Amino acid sequence: MSENDTISSEERPRGRGSVLCREVDDGFILYDPGKGKVHSLNPTAAFIWDALDGKLSIRNISESLEEIPGAEGSDTLADVLKTVENFQNEGLLEPSDPLSE
């Protein structure tokens, strides 16, 4: 998966290990020390980031998100795909292993 590839619901992305996630007063931040860049996350995006372990598919993460109170009626799969694509575009994900796809 390169930065311009479309992500499928069956992919199992993993956040880069060097990116740090911290809770702050009004949400969460990711700090990318390689780029010296900070990204603000809302609680939903932080939940998604935390789930990007390379074992769960996008669909699995979406199903987990649906179990959170207040998520009823939203298109969680589309939300997860959009969030993961944003992480990908910011260079926050590990490159995928073509042998594992």
PDB file of N, CA and C in Angstrom:
ATOM      1  N   MET A   1       0.853  -1.177   0.000  1.00  0.00           N
ATOM      2  CA  MET A   1       0.000   0.000   0.000  1.00  0.00           C
ATOM      3  C   MET A   1       0.892   1.232   0.000  1.00  0.00           C
ATOM      4  N   SER A   2       0.866   1.987  -1.084  1.00  0.00           N
ATOM      5  CA  SER A   2       1.624   3.227  -1.139  1.00  0.00           C
ATOM      6  C   SER A   2       0.725   4.373  -0.704  1.00  0.00           C
ATOM      7  N   GLU A   3       1.293   5.560  -0.631  1.00  0.00           N
ATOM      8  CA  GLU A   3       0.516   6.690  -0.125  1.00  0.00           C
ATOM      9  C   GLU A   3      -0.697   7.004  -0.994  1.00  0.00           C
ATOM     10  N   ASN A   4      -0.690   6.616  -2.271  1.00  0.00           N
ATOM     11  CA  ASN A   4      -1.788   6.969  -3.166  1.00  0.00           C
ATOM     12  C   ASN A   4      -2.749   5.818  -3.421  1.00  0.00           C
ATOM     13  N   ASP A   5      -2.508   4.659  -2.840  1.00  0.00           N
ATOM     14  CA  ASP A   5      -3.393   3.517  -3.040  1.00  0.00           C
ATOM     15  C   ASP A   5      -4.678   3.691  -2.256  1.00  0.00           C
ATOM     16  N   THR A   6      -5.745   3.109  -2.794  1.00  0.00           N
ATOM     17  CA  THR A   6      -7.011   3.082  -2.086  1.00  0.00           C
ATOM     18  C   THR A   6      -6.979   1.935  -1.086  1.00  0.00           C
ATOM     19  N   ILE A   7      -7.514   2.163   0.082  1.00  0.00           N
ATOM     20  CA  ILE A   7      -7.514   1.159   1.135  1.00  0.00           C
ATOM     21  C   ILE A   7      -8.801   0.348   1.031  1.00  0.00           C
ATOM     22  N   SER A   8      -8.678  -0.968   1.145  1.00  0.00           N
ATOM     23  CA  SER A   8      -9.868  -1.817   1.127  1.00  0.00           C
ATOM     24  C   SER A   8     -10.281  -2.151   2.558  1.00  0.00           C
ATOM     25  N   SER A   9     -11.531  -2.585   2.702  1.00  0.00           N
ATOM     26  CA  SER A   9     -12.053  -2.892   4.030  1.00  0.00           C
ATOM     27  C   SER A   9     -11.426  -4.145   4.629  1.00  0.00           C
ATOM     28  N   GLU A  10     -10.715  -4.925   3.826  1.00  0.00           N
ATOM     29  CA  GLU A  10     -10.094  -6.152   4.334  1.00  0.00           C
ATOM     30  C   GLU A  10      -8.623  -5.970   4.702  1.00  0.00           C
ATOM     31  N   GLU A  11      -8.058  -4.818   4.404  1.00  0.00           N
ATOM     32  CA  GLU A  11      -6.661  -4.577   4.762  1.00  0.00           C
ATOM     33  C   GLU A  11      -6.505  -4.509   6.272  1.00  0.00           C
ATOM     34  N   ARG A  12      -5.292  -4.796   6.713  1.00  0.00           N
ATOM     35  CA  ARG A  12      -4.966  -4.807   8.138  1.00  0.00           C
ATOM     36  C   ARG A  12      -3.802  -3.836   8.396  1.00  0.00           C
ATOM     37  N   PRO A  13      -4.102  -2.542   8.349  1.00  0.00           N
ATOM     38  CA  PRO A  13      -3.028  -1.560   8.500  1.00  0.00           C
ATOM     39  C   PRO A  13      -2.460  -1.520   9.911  1.00  0.00           C
ATOM     40  N   ARG A  14      -1.241  -1.010   9.977  1.00  0.00           N
ATOM     41  CA  ARG A  14      -0.560  -0.876  11.273  1.00  0.00           C
ATOM     42  C   ARG A  14       0.059   0.516  11.339  1.00  0.00           C
ATOM     43  N   GLY A  15      -0.154   1.167  12.475  1.00  0.00           N
ATOM     44  CA  GLY A  15       0.455   2.472  12.690  1.00  0.00           C
ATOM     45  C   GLY A  15       1.962   2.318  12.849  1.00  0.00           C
ATOM     46  N   ARG A  16       2.711   3.319  12.384  1.00  0.00           N
ATOM     47  CA  ARG A  16       4.170   3.290  12.554  1.00  0.00           C
ATOM     48  C   ARG A  16       4.507   3.301  14.038  1.00  0.00           C
ATOM     49  N   GLY A  17       5.391   2.425  14.429  1.00  0.00           N
ATOM     50  CA  GLY A  17       5.762   2.286  15.835  1.00  0.00           C
ATOM     51  C   GLY A  17       6.424   3.510  16.423  1.00  0.00           C
ATOM     52  N   SER A  18       7.018   4.344  15.589  1.00  0.00           N
ATOM     53  CA  SER A  18       7.711   5.527  16.095  1.00  0.00           C
ATOM     54  C   SER A  18       6.760   6.683  16.394  1.00  0.00           C
ATOM     55  N   VAL A  19       5.504   6.568  15.975  1.00  0.00           N
ATOM     56  CA  VAL A  19       4.520   7.629  16.210  1.00  0.00           C
ATOM     57  C   VAL A  19       3.947   7.457  17.613  1.00  0.00           C
ATOM     58  N   LEU A  20       3.957   8.538  18.368  1.00  0.00           N
ATOM     59  CA  LEU A  20       3.492   8.509  19.753  1.00  0.00           C
ATOM     60  C   LEU A  20       2.077   9.063  19.848  1.00  0.00           C
ATOM     61  N   CYS A  21       1.231   8.400  20.630  1.00  0.00           N
ATOM     62  CA  CYS A  21      -0.136   8.865  20.872  1.00  0.00           C
ATOM     63  C   CYS A  21      -0.253   9.258  22.338  1.00  0.00           C
ATOM     64  N   ARG A  22      -0.768  10.453  22.579  1.00  0.00           N
ATOM     65  CA  ARG A  22      -0.937  10.940  23.941  1.00  0.00           C
ATOM     66  C   ARG A  22      -2.312  11.564  24.101  1.00  0.00           C
ATOM     67  N   GLU A  23      -2.912  11.361  25.278  1.00  0.00           N
ATOM     68  CA  GLU A  23      -4.170  12.013  25.596  1.00  0.00           C
ATOM     69  C   GLU A  23      -3.866  13.401  26.135  1.00  0.00           C
ATOM     70  N   VAL A  24      -4.636  14.383  25.659  1.00  0.00           N
ATOM     71  CA  VAL A  24      -4.520  15.759  26.144  1.00  0.00           C
ATOM     72  C   VAL A  24      -5.907  16.205  26.594  1.00  0.00           C
ATOM     73  N   ASP A  25      -5.998  17.398  27.137  1.00  0.00           N
ATOM     74  CA  ASP A  25      -7.256  17.881  27.720  1.00  0.00           C
ATOM     75  C   ASP A  25      -8.455  17.751  26.791  1.00  0.00           C
ATOM     76  N   ASP A  26      -8.288  18.096  25.535  1.00  0.00           N
ATOM     77  CA  ASP A  26      -9.438  18.142  24.634  1.00  0.00           C
ATOM     78  C   ASP A  26      -9.423  17.040  23.578  1.00  0.00           C
ATOM     79  N   GLY A  27      -8.728  15.940  23.833  1.00  0.00           N
ATOM     80  CA  GLY A  27      -8.695  14.829  22.870  1.00  0.00           C
ATOM     81  C   GLY A  27      -7.380  14.083  22.935  1.00  0.00           C
ATOM     82  N   PHE A  28      -6.836  13.809  21.772  1.00  0.00           N
ATOM     83  CA  PHE A  28      -5.597  13.046  21.670  1.00  0.00           C
ATOM     84  C   PHE A  28      -4.722  13.680  20.610  1.00  0.00           C
ATOM     85  N   ILE A  29      -3.412  13.452  20.719  1.00  0.00           N
ATOM     86  CA  ILE A  29      -2.490  13.894  19.682  1.00  0.00           C
ATOM     87  C   ILE A  29      -1.591  12.737  19.285  1.00  0.00           C
ATOM     88  N   LEU A  30      -1.194  12.766  18.027  1.00  0.00           N
ATOM     89  CA  LEU A  30      -0.139  11.885  17.540  1.00  0.00           C
ATOM     90  C   LEU A  30       1.055  12.767  17.266  1.00  0.00           C
ATOM     91  N   TYR A  31       2.224  12.300  17.685  1.00  0.00           N
ATOM     92  CA  TYR A  31       3.455  13.025  17.394  1.00  0.00           C
ATOM     93  C   TYR A  31       4.339  12.139  16.544  1.00  0.00           C
ATOM     94  N   ASP A  32       4.689  12.646  15.368  1.00  0.00           N
ATOM     95  CA  ASP A  32       5.569  11.940  14.442  1.00  0.00           C
ATOM     96  C   ASP A  32       6.958  12.547  14.574  1.00  0.00           C
ATOM     97  N   PRO A  33       7.850  11.907  15.361  1.00  0.00           N
ATOM     98  CA  PRO A  33       9.165  12.495  15.588  1.00  0.00           C
ATOM     99  C   PRO A  33      10.011  12.586  14.323  1.00  0.00           C
ATOM    100  N   GLY A  34       9.789  11.701  13.372  1.00  0.00           N
ATOM    101  CA  GLY A  34      10.553  11.734  12.127  1.00  0.00           C
ATOM    102  C   GLY A  34      10.294  12.992  11.319  1.00  0.00           C
ATOM    103  N   LYS A  35       9.072  13.487  11.369  1.00  0.00           N
ATOM    104  CA  LYS A  35       8.694  14.692  10.630  1.00  0.00           C
ATOM    105  C   LYS A  35       8.534  15.896  11.553  1.00  0.00           C
ATOM    106  N   GLY A  36       8.586  15.646  12.884  1.00  0.00           N
ATOM    107  CA  GLY A  36       8.378  16.726  13.846  1.00  0.00           C
ATOM    108  C   GLY A  36       6.977  17.309  13.753  1.00  0.00           C
ATOM    109  N   LYS A  37       6.013  16.462  13.431  1.00  0.00           N
ATOM    110  CA  LYS A  37       4.649  16.919  13.181  1.00  0.00           C
ATOM    111  C   LYS A  37       3.696  16.370  14.234  1.00  0.00           C
ATOM    112  N   VAL A  38       2.719  17.197  14.650  1.00  0.00           N
ATOM    113  CA  VAL A  38       1.700  16.816  15.619  1.00  0.00           C
ATOM    114  C   VAL A  38       0.353  16.774  14.897  1.00  0.00           C
ATOM    115  N   HIS A  39      -0.432  15.734  15.189  1.00  0.00           N
ATOM    116  CA  HIS A  39      -1.759  15.569  14.606  1.00  0.00           C
ATOM    117  C   HIS A  39      -2.765  15.481  15.741  1.00  0.00           C
ATOM    118  N   SER A  40      -3.823  16.287  15.680  1.00  0.00           N
ATOM    119  CA  SER A  40      -4.889  16.241  16.685  1.00  0.00           C
ATOM    120  C   SER A  40      -5.924  15.208  16.286  1.00  0.00           C
ATOM    121  N   LEU A  41      -6.369  14.415  17.247  1.00  0.00           N
ATOM    122  CA  LEU A  41      -7.366  13.378  16.995  1.00  0.00           C
ATOM    123  C   LEU A  41      -8.556  13.566  17.913  1.00  0.00           C
ATOM    124  N   ASN A  42      -9.746  13.324  17.374  1.00  0.00           N
ATOM    125  CA  ASN A  42     -10.915  13.254  18.233  1.00  0.00           C
ATOM    126  C   ASN A  42     -10.950  11.846  18.836  1.00  0.00           C
ATOM    127  N   PRO A  43     -11.834  11.575  19.795  1.00  0.00           N
ATOM    128  CA  PRO A  43     -11.849  10.249  20.427  1.00  0.00           C
ATOM    129  C   PRO A  43     -12.071   9.091  19.443  1.00  0.00           C
ATOM    130  N   THR A  44     -12.875   9.299  18.408  1.00  0.00           N
ATOM    131  CA  THR A  44     -13.112   8.237  17.434  1.00  0.00           C
ATOM    132  C   THR A  44     -11.842   7.934  16.652  1.00  0.00           C
ATOM    133  N   ALA A  45     -11.151   8.958  16.194  1.00  0.00           N
ATOM    134  CA  ALA A  45      -9.901   8.755  15.457  1.00  0.00           C
ATOM    135  C   ALA A  45      -8.850   8.100  16.352  1.00  0.00           C
ATOM    136  N   ALA A  46      -8.831   8.464  17.644  1.00  0.00           N
ATOM    137  CA  ALA A  46      -7.891   7.849  18.576  1.00  0.00           C
ATOM    138  C   ALA A  46      -8.214   6.369  18.766  1.00  0.00           C
ATOM    139  N   PHE A  47      -9.503   6.025  18.820  1.00  0.00           N
ATOM    140  CA  PHE A  47      -9.921   4.621  18.912  1.00  0.00           C
ATOM    141  C   PHE A  47      -9.429   3.853  17.687  1.00  0.00           C
ATOM    142  N   ILE A  48      -9.601   4.450  16.518  1.00  0.00           N
ATOM    143  CA  ILE A  48      -9.156   3.807  15.282  1.00  0.00           C
ATOM    144  C   ILE A  48      -7.643   3.648  15.292  1.00  0.00           C
ATOM    145  N   TRP A  49      -6.922   4.695  15.671  1.00  0.00           N
ATOM    146  CA  TRP A  49      -5.453   4.615  15.720  1.00  0.00           C
ATOM    147  C   TRP A  49      -5.009   3.471  16.627  1.00  0.00           C
ATOM    148  N   ASP A  50      -5.624   3.386  17.781  1.00  0.00           N
ATOM    149  CA  ASP A  50      -5.267   2.352  18.751  1.00  0.00           C
ATOM    150  C   ASP A  50      -5.509   0.943  18.205  1.00  0.00           C
ATOM    151  N   ALA A  51      -6.477   0.817  17.299  1.00  0.00           N
ATOM    152  CA  ALA A  51      -6.816  -0.498  16.732  1.00  0.00           C
ATOM    153  C   ALA A  51      -5.932  -0.894  15.556  1.00  0.00           C
ATOM    154  N   LEU A  52      -5.100   0.018  15.065  1.00  0.00           N
ATOM    155  CA  LEU A  52      -4.272  -0.276  13.893  1.00  0.00           C
ATOM    156  C   LEU A  52      -3.040  -1.077  14.298  1.00  0.00           C
ATOM    157  N   ASP A  53      -3.263  -2.353  14.611  1.00  0.00           N
ATOM    158  CA  ASP A  53      -2.191  -3.221  15.100  1.00  0.00           C
ATOM    159  C   ASP A  53      -1.680  -4.194  14.045  1.00  0.00           C
ATOM    160  N   GLY A  54      -2.221  -4.119  12.826  1.00  0.00           N
ATOM    161  CA  GLY A  54      -1.811  -5.035  11.770  1.00  0.00           C
ATOM    162  C   GLY A  54      -2.523  -6.377  11.824  1.00  0.00           C
ATOM    163  N   LYS A  55      -3.353  -6.574  12.837  1.00  0.00           N
ATOM    164  CA  LYS A  55      -4.093  -7.830  12.982  1.00  0.00           C
ATOM    165  C   LYS A  55      -5.567  -7.656  12.622  1.00  0.00           C
ATOM    166  N   LEU A  56      -6.124  -6.497  12.943  1.00  0.00           N
ATOM    167  CA  LEU A  56      -7.538  -6.226  12.676  1.00  0.00           C
ATOM    168  C   LEU A  56      -7.696  -5.602  11.293  1.00  0.00           C
ATOM    169  N   SER A  57      -8.715  -6.066  10.570  1.00  0.00           N
ATOM    170  CA  SER A  57      -9.010  -5.448   9.280  1.00  0.00           C
ATOM    171  C   SER A  57      -9.799  -4.159   9.512  1.00  0.00           C
ATOM    172  N   ILE A  58      -9.876  -3.358   8.477  1.00  0.00           N
ATOM    173  CA  ILE A  58     -10.681  -2.141   8.533  1.00  0.00           C
ATOM    174  C   ILE A  58     -12.120  -2.506   8.928  1.00  0.00           C
ATOM    175  N   ARG A  59     -12.636  -3.581   8.354  1.00  0.00           N
ATOM    176  CA  ARG A  59     -14.002  -4.026   8.658  1.00  0.00           C
ATOM    177  C   ARG A  59     -14.123  -4.406  10.142  1.00  0.00           C
ATOM    178  N   ASN A  60     -13.123  -5.121  10.690  1.00  0.00           N
ATOM    179  CA  ASN A  60     -13.141  -5.479  12.116  1.00  0.00           C
ATOM    180  C   ASN A  60     -13.175  -4.232  13.000  1.00  0.00           C
ATOM    181  N   ILE A  61     -12.380  -3.242  12.645  1.00  0.00           N
ATOM    182  CA  ILE A  61     -12.326  -2.005  13.422  1.00  0.00           C
ATOM    183  C   ILE A  61     -13.682  -1.298  13.356  1.00  0.00           C
ATOM    184  N   SER A  62     -14.278  -1.279  12.168  1.00  0.00           N
ATOM    185  CA  SER A  62     -15.592  -0.673  11.995  1.00  0.00           C
ATOM    186  C   SER A  62     -16.634  -1.365  12.865  1.00  0.00           C
ATOM    187  N   GLU A  63     -16.610  -2.695  12.895  1.00  0.00           N
ATOM    188  CA  GLU A  63     -17.565  -3.450  13.708  1.00  0.00           C
ATOM    189  C   GLU A  63     -17.375  -3.163  15.194  1.00  0.00           C
ATOM    190  N   SER A  64     -16.123  -3.021  15.628  1.00  0.00           N
ATOM    191  CA  SER A  64     -15.853  -2.669  17.029  1.00  0.00           C
ATOM    192  C   SER A  64     -16.369  -1.274  17.345  1.00  0.00           C
ATOM    193  N   LEU A  65     -16.201  -0.373  16.408  1.00  0.00           N
ATOM    194  CA  LEU A  65     -16.653   1.004  16.599  1.00  0.00           C
ATOM    195  C   LEU A  65     -18.176   1.076  16.720  1.00  0.00           C
ATOM    196  N   GLU A  66     -18.872   0.204  15.997  1.00  0.00           N
ATOM    197  CA  GLU A  66     -20.339   0.182  16.050  1.00  0.00           C
ATOM    198  C   GLU A  66     -20.865  -0.183  17.432  1.00  0.00           C
ATOM    199  N   GLU A  67     -20.037  -0.830  18.246  1.00  0.00           N
ATOM    200  CA  GLU A  67     -20.453  -1.244  19.580  1.00  0.00           C
ATOM    201  C   GLU A  67     -20.391  -0.110  20.600  1.00  0.00           C
ATOM    202  N   ILE A  68     -19.800   1.010  20.220  1.00  0.00           N
ATOM    203  CA  ILE A  68     -19.676   2.150  21.128  1.00  0.00           C
ATOM    204  C   ILE A  68     -20.988   2.928  21.133  1.00  0.00           C
ATOM    205  N   PRO A  69     -21.516   3.231  22.314  1.00  0.00           N
ATOM    206  CA  PRO A  69     -22.754   4.012  22.380  1.00  0.00           C
ATOM    207  C   PRO A  69     -22.607   5.339  21.622  1.00  0.00           C
ATOM    208  N   GLY A  70     -23.626   5.656  20.843  1.00  0.00           N
ATOM    209  CA  GLY A  70     -23.618   6.887  20.059  1.00  0.00           C
ATOM    210  C   GLY A  70     -23.220   6.671  18.612  1.00  0.00           C
ATOM    211  N   ALA A  71     -22.688   5.500  18.297  1.00  0.00           N
ATOM    212  CA  ALA A  71     -22.259   5.226  16.926  1.00  0.00           C
ATOM    213  C   ALA A  71     -23.400   4.710  16.056  1.00  0.00           C
ATOM    214  N   GLU A  72     -24.541   4.444  16.678  1.00  0.00           N
ATOM    215  CA  GLU A  72     -25.668   3.911  15.930  1.00  0.00           C
ATOM    216  C   GLU A  72     -26.054   4.869  14.811  1.00  0.00           C
ATOM    217  N   GLY A  73     -26.345   4.298  13.654  1.00  0.00           N
ATOM    218  CA  GLY A  73     -26.835   5.091  12.546  1.00  0.00           C
ATOM    219  C   GLY A  73     -25.757   5.757  11.716  1.00  0.00           C
ATOM    220  N   SER A  74     -24.515   5.721  12.152  1.00  0.00           N
ATOM    221  CA  SER A  74     -23.465   6.329  11.341  1.00  0.00           C
ATOM    222  C   SER A  74     -22.843   5.253  10.455  1.00  0.00           C
ATOM    223  N   ASP A  75     -22.229   5.686   9.380  1.00  0.00           N
ATOM    224  CA  ASP A  75     -21.570   4.758   8.463  1.00  0.00           C
ATOM    225  C   ASP A  75     -20.147   4.545   8.983  1.00  0.00           C
ATOM    226  N   THR A  76     -20.012   3.648   9.945  1.00  0.00           N
ATOM    227  CA  THR A  76     -18.713   3.476  10.602  1.00  0.00           C
ATOM    228  C   THR A  76     -17.652   2.972   9.638  1.00  0.00           C
ATOM    229  N   LEU A  77     -18.012   2.123   8.684  1.00  0.00           N
ATOM    230  CA  LEU A  77     -17.013   1.626   7.732  1.00  0.00           C
ATOM    231  C   LEU A  77     -16.442   2.789   6.926  1.00  0.00           C
ATOM    232  N   ALA A  78     -17.295   3.666   6.434  1.00  0.00           N
ATOM    233  CA  ALA A  78     -16.820   4.833   5.681  1.00  0.00           C
ATOM    234  C   ALA A  78     -15.965   5.738   6.569  1.00  0.00           C
ATOM    235  N   ASP A  79     -16.378   5.911   7.824  1.00  0.00           N
ATOM    236  CA  ASP A  79     -15.606   6.746   8.751  1.00  0.00           C
ATOM    237  C   ASP A  79     -14.216   6.163   8.998  1.00  0.00           C
ATOM    238  N   VAL A  80     -14.152   4.849   9.213  1.00  0.00           N
ATOM    239  CA  VAL A  80     -12.858   4.206   9.460  1.00  0.00           C
ATOM    240  C   VAL A  80     -11.986   4.290   8.214  1.00  0.00           C
ATOM    241  N   LEU A  81     -12.545   4.009   7.051  1.00  0.00           N
ATOM    242  CA  LEU A  81     -11.769   4.097   5.805  1.00  0.00           C
ATOM    243  C   LEU A  81     -11.205   5.505   5.609  1.00  0.00           C
ATOM    244  N   LYS A  82     -12.029   6.515   5.815  1.00  0.00           N
ATOM    245  CA  LYS A  82     -11.577   7.901   5.637  1.00  0.00           C
ATOM    246  C   LYS A  82     -10.466   8.242   6.630  1.00  0.00           C
ATOM    247  N   THR A  83     -10.639   7.831   7.877  1.00  0.00           N
ATOM    248  CA  THR A  83      -9.635   8.126   8.901  1.00  0.00           C
ATOM    249  C   THR A  83      -8.314   7.426   8.588  1.00  0.00           C
ATOM    250  N   VAL A  84      -8.382   6.155   8.205  1.00  0.00           N
ATOM    251  CA  VAL A  84      -7.163   5.409   7.886  1.00  0.00           C
ATOM    252  C   VAL A  84      -6.492   5.991   6.637  1.00  0.00           C
ATOM    253  N   GLU A  85      -7.281   6.408   5.663  1.00  0.00           N
ATOM    254  CA  GLU A  85      -6.695   7.057   4.479  1.00  0.00           C
ATOM    255  C   GLU A  85      -5.986   8.351   4.871  1.00  0.00           C
ATOM    256  N   ASN A  86      -6.558   9.098   5.821  1.00  0.00           N
ATOM    257  CA  ASN A  86      -5.889  10.312   6.303  1.00  0.00           C
ATOM    258  C   ASN A  86      -4.567   9.962   6.983  1.00  0.00           C
ATOM    259  N   PHE A  87      -4.575   8.916   7.819  1.00  0.00           N
ATOM    260  CA  PHE A  87      -3.330   8.483   8.461  1.00  0.00           C
ATOM    261  C   PHE A  87      -2.303   8.088   7.394  1.00  0.00           C
ATOM    262  N   GLN A  88      -2.763   7.367   6.376  1.00  0.00           N
ATOM    263  CA  GLN A  88      -1.879   6.935   5.295  1.00  0.00           C
ATOM    264  C   GLN A  88      -1.289   8.144   4.566  1.00  0.00           C
ATOM    265  N   ASN A  89      -2.141   9.109   4.232  1.00  0.00           N
ATOM    266  CA  ASN A  89      -1.681  10.289   3.506  1.00  0.00           C
ATOM    267  C   ASN A  89      -0.682  11.111   4.305  1.00  0.00           C
ATOM    268  N   GLU A  90      -0.771  11.031   5.628  1.00  0.00           N
ATOM    269  CA  GLU A  90       0.176  11.744   6.499  1.00  0.00           C
ATOM    270  C   GLU A  90       1.444  10.922   6.759  1.00  0.00           C
ATOM    271  N   GLY A  91       1.510   9.708   6.201  1.00  0.00           N
ATOM    272  CA  GLY A  91       2.694   8.873   6.374  1.00  0.00           C
ATOM    273  C   GLY A  91       2.792   8.240   7.753  1.00  0.00           C
ATOM    274  N   LEU A  92       1.654   8.026   8.417  1.00  0.00           N
ATOM    275  CA  LEU A  92       1.655   7.513   9.784  1.00  0.00           C
ATOM    276  C   LEU A  92       1.545   5.993   9.863  1.00  0.00           C
ATOM    277  N   LEU A  93       1.350   5.322   8.718  1.00  0.00           N
ATOM    278  CA  LEU A  93       1.184   3.864   8.706  1.00  0.00           C
ATOM    279  C   LEU A  93       2.449   3.167   8.237  1.00  0.00           C
ATOM    280  N   GLU A  94       2.635   1.952   8.742  1.00  0.00           N
ATOM    281  CA  GLU A  94       3.725   1.111   8.256  1.00  0.00           C
ATOM    282  C   GLU A  94       3.416   0.707   6.819  1.00  0.00           C
ATOM    283  N   PRO A  95       4.442   0.570   5.991  1.00  0.00           N
ATOM    284  CA  PRO A  95       4.183   0.044   4.641  1.00  0.00           C
ATOM    285  C   PRO A  95       3.624  -1.363   4.763  1.00  0.00           C
ATOM    286  N   SER A  96       2.686  -1.713   3.895  1.00  0.00           N
ATOM    287  CA  SER A  96       2.108  -3.058   3.953  1.00  0.00           C
ATOM    288  C   SER A  96       3.086  -4.057   3.367  1.00  0.00           C
ATOM    289  N   ASP A  97       2.947  -5.286   3.808  1.00  0.00           N
ATOM    290  CA  ASP A  97       3.764  -6.386   3.312  1.00  0.00           C
ATOM    291  C   ASP A  97       2.983  -7.064   2.197  1.00  0.00           C
ATOM    292  N   PRO A  98       3.422  -6.937   0.924  1.00  0.00           N
ATOM    293  CA  PRO A  98       2.651  -7.509  -0.167  1.00  0.00           C
ATOM    294  C   PRO A  98       2.467  -9.034  -0.045  1.00  0.00           C
ATOM    295  N   LEU A  99       3.332  -9.693   0.687  1.00  0.00           N
ATOM    296  CA  LEU A  99       3.233 -11.133   0.842  1.00  0.00           C
ATOM    297  C   LEU A  99       2.098 -11.518   1.783  1.00  0.00           C
ATOM    298  N   SER A 100       1.681 -10.587   2.649  1.00  0.00           N
ATOM    299  CA  SER A 100       0.639 -10.898   3.618  1.00  0.00           C
ATOM    300  C   SER A 100      -0.750 -10.540   3.121  1.00  0.00           C
ATOM    301  N   GLU A 101      -0.845  -9.883   1.963  1.00  0.00           N
ATOM    302  CA  GLU A 101      -2.154  -9.475   1.439  1.00  0.00           C
ATOM    303  C   GLU A 101      -2.754 -10.550   0.590  1.00  0.00           C
TER     304      GLU A 101
END
